[in-house]
N, C-alpha and C. Protein backbone atom coordinates (compact mmCIF):
# COMPACT_ATOMS: atom_id res chain seq x y z
N MET A 1 0.83 -1.20 0.00
CA MET A 1 0.00 0.00 0.00
C MET A 1 0.87 1.26 0.00
N ASP A 2 2.00 1.22 0.74
CA ASP A 2 2.89 2.38 0.79
C ASP A 2 3.39 2.74 -0.61
N ILE A 3 3.82 1.72 -1.34
CA ILE A 3 4.34 1.96 -2.70
C ILE A 3 3.24 2.52 -3.58
N PHE A 4 2.03 2.00 -3.47
CA PHE A 4 0.92 2.52 -4.28
C PHE A 4 0.69 3.99 -3.99
N LEU A 5 0.62 4.37 -2.70
CA LEU A 5 0.36 5.77 -2.34
C LEU A 5 1.47 6.68 -2.84
N MET A 6 2.72 6.24 -2.69
CA MET A 6 3.82 7.06 -3.17
C MET A 6 3.81 7.17 -4.69
N ALA A 7 3.61 6.06 -5.38
CA ALA A 7 3.62 6.07 -6.85
C ALA A 7 2.45 6.89 -7.40
N ALA A 8 1.26 6.68 -6.85
CA ALA A 8 0.08 7.40 -7.35
C ALA A 8 0.19 8.90 -7.08
N SER A 9 0.67 9.26 -5.88
CA SER A 9 0.84 10.69 -5.55
C SER A 9 1.85 11.34 -6.48
N LEU A 10 2.96 10.65 -6.66
CA LEU A 10 4.02 11.18 -7.52
C LEU A 10 3.55 11.27 -8.97
N ALA A 11 2.81 10.27 -9.42
CA ALA A 11 2.32 10.28 -10.80
C ALA A 11 1.35 11.43 -11.04
N LEU A 12 0.39 11.61 -10.14
CA LEU A 12 -0.57 12.70 -10.34
C LEU A 12 0.08 14.07 -10.19
N ALA A 13 0.99 14.21 -9.23
CA ALA A 13 1.71 15.48 -9.10
C ALA A 13 2.54 15.76 -10.35
N GLY A 14 3.10 14.71 -10.92
CA GLY A 14 3.86 14.86 -12.17
C GLY A 14 2.98 15.26 -13.34
N ILE A 15 1.79 14.70 -13.38
CA ILE A 15 0.84 15.07 -14.44
C ILE A 15 0.47 16.54 -14.30
N ILE A 16 0.19 16.98 -13.07
CA ILE A 16 -0.15 18.39 -12.83
C ILE A 16 1.00 19.29 -13.25
N ALA A 17 2.21 18.95 -12.80
CA ALA A 17 3.38 19.76 -13.17
C ALA A 17 3.53 19.78 -14.69
N GLY A 18 3.31 18.65 -15.33
CA GLY A 18 3.40 18.59 -16.79
C GLY A 18 2.36 19.44 -17.48
N ILE A 19 1.15 19.45 -16.95
CA ILE A 19 0.10 20.30 -17.50
C ILE A 19 0.49 21.77 -17.37
N TYR A 20 1.03 22.12 -16.22
CA TYR A 20 1.44 23.51 -16.01
C TYR A 20 2.59 23.90 -16.93
N VAL A 21 3.55 23.00 -17.10
CA VAL A 21 4.66 23.27 -18.02
C VAL A 21 4.14 23.38 -19.45
N SER A 22 3.23 22.49 -19.83
CA SER A 22 2.71 22.53 -21.20
C SER A 22 1.96 23.82 -21.48
N GLY A 23 1.30 24.38 -20.46
CA GLY A 23 0.62 25.66 -20.63
C GLY A 23 1.60 26.78 -20.96
N VAL A 24 2.75 26.76 -20.29
CA VAL A 24 3.77 27.78 -20.56
C VAL A 24 4.34 27.58 -21.96
N ILE A 25 4.60 26.33 -22.34
CA ILE A 25 5.12 26.06 -23.68
C ILE A 25 4.08 26.45 -24.73
N HIS A 26 2.84 26.06 -24.50
CA HIS A 26 1.76 26.36 -25.44
C HIS A 26 1.58 27.85 -25.64
N ASP A 27 1.74 28.61 -24.55
CA ASP A 27 1.49 30.05 -24.60
C ASP A 27 2.74 30.87 -24.90
N PHE A 28 3.83 30.23 -25.29
CA PHE A 28 5.09 30.93 -25.50
C PHE A 28 4.94 32.10 -26.47
N ARG A 29 4.18 31.91 -27.55
CA ARG A 29 4.01 32.98 -28.54
C ARG A 29 2.56 33.48 -28.57
N ILE A 30 1.93 33.46 -27.43
CA ILE A 30 0.53 33.84 -27.36
C ILE A 30 0.30 35.30 -27.74
N ASP A 31 1.33 36.12 -27.58
CA ASP A 31 1.21 37.54 -27.96
C ASP A 31 0.97 37.72 -29.45
N ASP A 32 1.26 36.68 -30.24
CA ASP A 32 1.06 36.74 -31.69
C ASP A 32 -0.41 36.55 -32.09
N LEU A 33 -1.24 36.09 -31.14
CA LEU A 33 -2.64 35.83 -31.47
C LEU A 33 -3.46 37.12 -31.45
N THR A 34 -4.43 37.17 -32.33
CA THR A 34 -5.39 38.27 -32.29
C THR A 34 -6.34 38.02 -31.13
N ALA A 35 -7.15 38.99 -30.81
CA ALA A 35 -8.12 38.85 -29.73
C ALA A 35 -9.06 37.67 -30.00
N GLY A 36 -9.54 37.54 -31.21
CA GLY A 36 -10.45 36.44 -31.56
C GLY A 36 -9.78 35.09 -31.48
N GLN A 37 -8.54 35.02 -31.93
CA GLN A 37 -7.80 33.76 -31.85
C GLN A 37 -7.55 33.36 -30.40
N TYR A 38 -7.16 34.34 -29.59
CA TYR A 38 -6.92 34.05 -28.18
C TYR A 38 -8.20 33.57 -27.51
N MET A 39 -9.31 34.27 -27.76
CA MET A 39 -10.58 33.90 -27.17
C MET A 39 -10.94 32.46 -27.53
N ALA A 40 -10.85 32.11 -28.80
CA ALA A 40 -11.21 30.76 -29.25
C ALA A 40 -10.31 29.71 -28.61
N MET A 41 -9.01 29.97 -28.56
CA MET A 41 -8.07 29.02 -27.99
C MET A 41 -8.34 28.84 -26.49
N HIS A 42 -8.49 29.93 -25.78
CA HIS A 42 -8.68 29.86 -24.34
C HIS A 42 -10.02 29.19 -23.98
N GLN A 43 -11.06 29.54 -24.72
CA GLN A 43 -12.36 28.93 -24.44
C GLN A 43 -12.33 27.43 -24.68
N MET A 44 -11.67 27.00 -25.75
CA MET A 44 -11.57 25.57 -26.05
C MET A 44 -10.77 24.86 -24.97
N ARG A 45 -9.62 25.40 -24.61
CA ARG A 45 -8.76 24.78 -23.61
C ARG A 45 -9.46 24.74 -22.25
N ASP A 46 -10.14 25.83 -21.90
CA ASP A 46 -10.79 25.90 -20.60
C ASP A 46 -11.94 24.91 -20.47
N ARG A 47 -12.66 24.67 -21.55
CA ARG A 47 -13.76 23.70 -21.49
C ARG A 47 -13.26 22.32 -21.09
N THR A 48 -12.08 21.95 -21.55
CA THR A 48 -11.50 20.65 -21.18
C THR A 48 -11.04 20.66 -19.74
N PHE A 49 -10.25 21.65 -19.37
CA PHE A 49 -9.67 21.67 -18.03
C PHE A 49 -10.69 21.90 -16.93
N THR A 50 -11.79 22.57 -17.24
CA THR A 50 -12.85 22.77 -16.25
C THR A 50 -13.43 21.43 -15.80
N ARG A 51 -13.48 20.48 -16.71
CA ARG A 51 -14.01 19.16 -16.38
C ARG A 51 -12.97 18.27 -15.69
N VAL A 52 -11.72 18.39 -16.08
CA VAL A 52 -10.69 17.45 -15.65
C VAL A 52 -9.98 17.87 -14.37
N MET A 53 -9.59 19.12 -14.29
CA MET A 53 -8.69 19.55 -13.21
C MET A 53 -9.27 19.44 -11.80
N PRO A 54 -10.52 19.78 -11.54
CA PRO A 54 -10.99 19.64 -10.15
C PRO A 54 -10.87 18.20 -9.64
N PHE A 55 -11.25 17.24 -10.45
CA PHE A 55 -11.15 15.83 -10.04
C PHE A 55 -9.70 15.42 -9.82
N VAL A 56 -8.84 15.76 -10.77
CA VAL A 56 -7.42 15.37 -10.67
C VAL A 56 -6.77 16.05 -9.48
N ARG A 57 -7.05 17.32 -9.27
CA ARG A 57 -6.41 18.07 -8.18
C ARG A 57 -6.86 17.55 -6.82
N LEU A 58 -8.17 17.31 -6.66
CA LEU A 58 -8.67 16.81 -5.37
C LEU A 58 -8.18 15.38 -5.11
N THR A 59 -8.13 14.56 -6.15
CA THR A 59 -7.60 13.20 -6.00
C THR A 59 -6.13 13.25 -5.59
N THR A 60 -5.37 14.15 -6.20
CA THR A 60 -3.96 14.31 -5.84
C THR A 60 -3.84 14.70 -4.37
N LEU A 61 -4.66 15.62 -3.91
CA LEU A 61 -4.61 16.05 -2.52
C LEU A 61 -4.90 14.90 -1.57
N VAL A 62 -5.92 14.12 -1.86
CA VAL A 62 -6.28 12.98 -1.01
C VAL A 62 -5.13 11.96 -0.96
N LEU A 63 -4.55 11.67 -2.11
CA LEU A 63 -3.45 10.71 -2.15
C LEU A 63 -2.23 11.22 -1.39
N ILE A 64 -1.91 12.49 -1.54
CA ILE A 64 -0.76 13.05 -0.83
C ILE A 64 -1.01 13.04 0.68
N ALA A 65 -2.22 13.37 1.10
CA ALA A 65 -2.55 13.32 2.53
C ALA A 65 -2.41 11.90 3.07
N ALA A 66 -2.90 10.93 2.32
CA ALA A 66 -2.76 9.53 2.74
C ALA A 66 -1.30 9.12 2.76
N MET A 67 -0.53 9.59 1.79
CA MET A 67 0.90 9.30 1.75
C MET A 67 1.58 9.86 3.00
N ALA A 68 1.23 11.07 3.39
CA ALA A 68 1.83 11.69 4.57
C ALA A 68 1.50 10.89 5.83
N MET A 69 0.29 10.38 5.91
CA MET A 69 -0.13 9.67 7.12
C MET A 69 0.39 8.23 7.17
N PHE A 70 0.45 7.57 6.01
CA PHE A 70 0.69 6.13 6.04
C PHE A 70 1.94 5.62 5.33
N ALA A 71 2.50 6.39 4.41
CA ALA A 71 3.50 5.78 3.53
C ALA A 71 4.93 6.28 3.72
N VAL A 72 5.12 7.49 4.19
CA VAL A 72 6.49 8.01 4.28
C VAL A 72 6.98 7.99 5.72
N ASP A 73 8.27 7.98 5.85
CA ASP A 73 8.89 7.99 7.17
C ASP A 73 8.62 9.30 7.88
N ALA A 74 8.64 9.23 9.22
CA ALA A 74 8.55 10.44 10.03
C ALA A 74 9.80 11.28 9.77
N GLY A 75 9.72 12.53 10.16
CA GLY A 75 10.86 13.42 9.96
C GLY A 75 10.76 14.15 8.64
N LEU A 76 11.91 14.33 7.99
CA LEU A 76 11.96 15.12 6.76
C LEU A 76 11.03 14.61 5.66
N PRO A 77 10.96 13.28 5.41
CA PRO A 77 10.03 12.83 4.35
C PRO A 77 8.57 13.24 4.62
N ARG A 78 8.15 13.13 5.87
CA ARG A 78 6.77 13.51 6.20
C ARG A 78 6.59 15.02 6.08
N ILE A 79 7.57 15.78 6.52
CA ILE A 79 7.49 17.25 6.41
C ILE A 79 7.38 17.65 4.94
N LEU A 80 8.21 17.06 4.09
CA LEU A 80 8.15 17.37 2.65
C LEU A 80 6.80 17.02 2.05
N THR A 81 6.23 15.91 2.49
CA THR A 81 4.92 15.49 1.98
C THR A 81 3.82 16.44 2.45
N ILE A 82 3.92 16.89 3.68
CA ILE A 82 2.94 17.86 4.20
C ILE A 82 3.09 19.20 3.46
N VAL A 83 4.31 19.59 3.17
CA VAL A 83 4.53 20.82 2.38
C VAL A 83 3.89 20.65 1.00
N ALA A 84 4.06 19.48 0.39
CA ALA A 84 3.43 19.24 -0.93
C ALA A 84 1.91 19.34 -0.83
N ALA A 85 1.33 18.78 0.23
CA ALA A 85 -0.13 18.87 0.41
C ALA A 85 -0.55 20.33 0.60
N ALA A 86 0.23 21.08 1.36
CA ALA A 86 -0.09 22.50 1.56
C ALA A 86 -0.01 23.26 0.24
N LEU A 87 0.96 22.91 -0.60
CA LEU A 87 1.06 23.55 -1.92
C LEU A 87 -0.16 23.25 -2.78
N VAL A 88 -0.70 22.05 -2.67
CA VAL A 88 -1.92 21.70 -3.42
C VAL A 88 -3.08 22.55 -2.92
N VAL A 89 -3.23 22.65 -1.60
CA VAL A 89 -4.32 23.45 -1.03
C VAL A 89 -4.20 24.91 -1.47
N ILE A 90 -2.98 25.45 -1.41
CA ILE A 90 -2.75 26.83 -1.85
C ILE A 90 -3.09 26.97 -3.33
N ASP A 91 -2.67 26.00 -4.12
CA ASP A 91 -2.93 26.05 -5.56
C ASP A 91 -4.43 26.00 -5.86
N ILE A 92 -5.15 25.15 -5.16
CA ILE A 92 -6.59 25.08 -5.37
C ILE A 92 -7.24 26.41 -5.00
N GLY A 93 -6.87 26.96 -3.85
CA GLY A 93 -7.43 28.25 -3.43
C GLY A 93 -7.10 29.35 -4.41
N PHE A 94 -5.86 29.37 -4.87
CA PHE A 94 -5.42 30.38 -5.84
C PHE A 94 -6.19 30.22 -7.15
N THR A 95 -6.34 28.99 -7.59
CA THR A 95 -7.05 28.73 -8.85
C THR A 95 -8.49 29.20 -8.76
N VAL A 96 -9.15 28.86 -7.68
CA VAL A 96 -10.56 29.24 -7.52
C VAL A 96 -10.72 30.75 -7.39
N SER A 97 -9.78 31.39 -6.70
CA SER A 97 -9.93 32.83 -6.46
C SER A 97 -9.39 33.71 -7.59
N ARG A 98 -8.41 33.21 -8.35
CA ARG A 98 -7.76 34.05 -9.35
C ARG A 98 -7.99 33.58 -10.79
N GLN A 99 -7.74 32.30 -11.05
CA GLN A 99 -7.82 31.81 -12.43
C GLN A 99 -9.26 31.57 -12.88
N VAL A 100 -10.06 30.97 -12.03
CA VAL A 100 -11.45 30.67 -12.44
C VAL A 100 -12.21 31.94 -12.82
N PRO A 101 -12.11 33.04 -12.05
CA PRO A 101 -12.80 34.26 -12.49
C PRO A 101 -12.32 34.76 -13.85
N LEU A 102 -11.01 34.67 -14.10
CA LEU A 102 -10.51 35.08 -15.42
C LEU A 102 -11.03 34.14 -16.51
N ASN A 103 -11.05 32.85 -16.22
CA ASN A 103 -11.58 31.89 -17.19
C ASN A 103 -13.06 32.19 -17.50
N LYS A 104 -13.82 32.46 -16.46
CA LYS A 104 -15.25 32.78 -16.67
C LYS A 104 -15.41 34.05 -17.50
N GLN A 105 -14.54 35.00 -17.25
CA GLN A 105 -14.57 36.24 -18.01
C GLN A 105 -14.35 35.94 -19.50
N VAL A 106 -13.31 35.16 -19.81
CA VAL A 106 -13.02 34.84 -21.21
C VAL A 106 -14.14 33.98 -21.80
N GLN A 107 -14.71 33.08 -21.00
CA GLN A 107 -15.81 32.23 -21.49
C GLN A 107 -17.03 33.06 -21.88
N SER A 108 -17.19 34.22 -21.28
CA SER A 108 -18.35 35.06 -21.59
C SER A 108 -18.18 35.89 -22.86
N TRP A 109 -16.98 35.94 -23.38
CA TRP A 109 -16.72 36.74 -24.57
C TRP A 109 -17.29 36.09 -25.82
N THR A 110 -17.70 36.92 -26.74
CA THR A 110 -18.03 36.49 -28.11
C THR A 110 -17.16 37.34 -29.03
N PRO A 111 -17.09 36.99 -30.30
CA PRO A 111 -16.26 37.81 -31.20
C PRO A 111 -16.63 39.30 -31.19
N VAL A 112 -17.87 39.63 -30.90
CA VAL A 112 -18.26 41.05 -30.90
C VAL A 112 -18.20 41.70 -29.51
N THR A 113 -18.02 40.89 -28.46
CA THR A 113 -18.00 41.47 -27.10
C THR A 113 -16.62 41.41 -26.44
N ILE A 114 -15.59 41.04 -27.18
CA ILE A 114 -14.25 41.01 -26.60
C ILE A 114 -13.90 42.44 -26.17
N PRO A 115 -13.54 42.62 -24.90
CA PRO A 115 -13.25 43.98 -24.44
C PRO A 115 -11.95 44.53 -25.03
N ASP A 116 -11.85 45.84 -25.05
CA ASP A 116 -10.64 46.47 -25.59
C ASP A 116 -9.39 46.09 -24.78
N ASP A 117 -9.56 45.84 -23.48
CA ASP A 117 -8.42 45.49 -22.63
C ASP A 117 -8.24 43.97 -22.48
N TRP A 118 -8.63 43.22 -23.50
CA TRP A 118 -8.54 41.77 -23.46
C TRP A 118 -7.12 41.28 -23.19
N ALA A 119 -6.10 42.00 -23.68
CA ALA A 119 -4.71 41.58 -23.50
C ALA A 119 -4.32 41.63 -22.02
N GLN A 120 -4.93 42.52 -21.26
CA GLN A 120 -4.64 42.58 -19.83
C GLN A 120 -5.14 41.32 -19.14
N THR A 121 -6.32 40.85 -19.53
CA THR A 121 -6.84 39.59 -18.98
C THR A 121 -5.90 38.45 -19.36
N ARG A 122 -5.48 38.40 -20.60
CA ARG A 122 -4.54 37.36 -21.07
C ARG A 122 -3.27 37.39 -20.24
N ASP A 123 -2.71 38.57 -20.04
CA ASP A 123 -1.45 38.70 -19.32
C ASP A 123 -1.61 38.36 -17.84
N ASN A 124 -2.74 38.75 -17.24
CA ASN A 124 -3.00 38.38 -15.84
C ASN A 124 -3.11 36.87 -15.70
N TRP A 125 -3.80 36.24 -16.63
CA TRP A 125 -3.93 34.78 -16.60
C TRP A 125 -2.55 34.13 -16.70
N ALA A 126 -1.73 34.61 -17.62
CA ALA A 126 -0.40 34.03 -17.81
C ALA A 126 0.47 34.22 -16.57
N ALA A 127 0.44 35.39 -15.96
CA ALA A 127 1.23 35.64 -14.76
C ALA A 127 0.79 34.72 -13.62
N ASN A 128 -0.52 34.57 -13.46
CA ASN A 128 -1.04 33.66 -12.44
C ASN A 128 -0.64 32.22 -12.74
N HIS A 129 -0.68 31.85 -14.00
CA HIS A 129 -0.31 30.49 -14.38
C HIS A 129 1.16 30.22 -14.07
N ASN A 130 2.00 31.21 -14.27
CA ASN A 130 3.42 31.03 -13.95
C ASN A 130 3.62 30.76 -12.46
N LEU A 131 2.83 31.39 -11.61
CA LEU A 131 2.88 31.10 -10.18
C LEU A 131 2.42 29.67 -9.89
N ARG A 132 1.42 29.23 -10.60
CA ARG A 132 0.95 27.85 -10.45
C ARG A 132 2.03 26.88 -10.89
N LEU A 133 2.75 27.22 -11.94
CA LEU A 133 3.84 26.38 -12.41
C LEU A 133 4.89 26.20 -11.32
N VAL A 134 5.28 27.27 -10.68
CA VAL A 134 6.28 27.20 -9.61
C VAL A 134 5.77 26.31 -8.48
N ARG A 135 4.52 26.49 -8.08
CA ARG A 135 3.95 25.65 -7.01
C ARG A 135 3.89 24.19 -7.43
N GLY A 136 3.48 23.94 -8.67
CA GLY A 136 3.39 22.56 -9.15
C GLY A 136 4.74 21.86 -9.19
N LEU A 137 5.77 22.57 -9.63
CA LEU A 137 7.11 21.99 -9.66
C LEU A 137 7.64 21.77 -8.25
N ALA A 138 7.38 22.71 -7.34
CA ALA A 138 7.81 22.56 -5.95
C ALA A 138 7.09 21.39 -5.28
N GLU A 139 5.81 21.24 -5.57
CA GLU A 139 5.03 20.11 -5.05
C GLU A 139 5.64 18.79 -5.50
N TYR A 140 5.93 18.69 -6.78
CA TYR A 140 6.52 17.46 -7.31
C TYR A 140 7.90 17.21 -6.70
N ALA A 141 8.71 18.24 -6.58
CA ALA A 141 10.05 18.08 -6.01
C ALA A 141 9.98 17.61 -4.56
N CYS A 142 9.05 18.17 -3.79
CA CYS A 142 8.88 17.73 -2.40
C CYS A 142 8.49 16.26 -2.33
N LEU A 143 7.54 15.86 -3.15
CA LEU A 143 7.11 14.46 -3.14
C LEU A 143 8.23 13.54 -3.60
N PHE A 144 8.92 13.93 -4.64
CA PHE A 144 10.02 13.11 -5.16
C PHE A 144 11.07 12.90 -4.08
N ALA A 145 11.44 13.98 -3.41
CA ALA A 145 12.44 13.87 -2.34
C ALA A 145 11.93 13.00 -1.19
N ALA A 146 10.66 13.16 -0.82
CA ALA A 146 10.10 12.35 0.26
C ALA A 146 10.12 10.86 -0.10
N VAL A 147 9.79 10.54 -1.33
CA VAL A 147 9.81 9.14 -1.77
C VAL A 147 11.23 8.60 -1.76
N ILE A 148 12.18 9.35 -2.30
CA ILE A 148 13.58 8.90 -2.35
C ILE A 148 14.12 8.68 -0.93
N LEU A 149 13.84 9.64 -0.04
CA LEU A 149 14.31 9.50 1.34
C LEU A 149 13.70 8.30 2.03
N THR A 150 12.42 8.05 1.78
CA THR A 150 11.74 6.91 2.41
C THR A 150 12.25 5.59 1.85
N LEU A 151 12.42 5.52 0.55
CA LEU A 151 12.84 4.25 -0.06
C LEU A 151 14.32 3.96 0.16
N SER A 152 15.10 4.97 0.50
CA SER A 152 16.54 4.75 0.67
C SER A 152 16.91 4.40 2.11
N ARG A 153 15.94 4.22 2.95
CA ARG A 153 16.24 3.91 4.37
C ARG A 153 16.85 2.58 4.54
């Protein structure tokens, strides 16, 4: 059971980190898009992630919490796992309070109602996403270190 909790937690945290990295790669030249192109791309991408991310993120949190309680050694491995869980909670709160409102804003746009300051929304979303990327990578690094420390005993 310990190996399952560690592997599943690490796998889902890796998927999240990968999604966050792919967003940065995908948006590397986003400034080249017109307002209509950005709107269409963001609306399409958001429709997918709105369905997938809440389930994946909450499942990751549950697995990491179980890993902290049952699978890793006391001391530094457990502390790292608790830090990873805290990063997930922070990320969920940040996503709900910052990214979801921006996503809803973009979802409400039509080709004729895109606001003149649409690029500010795009840039705010990207800046927030970069913070999520840092948290996601830190979460994965904490879990990876906790697993290595536990398995190397």
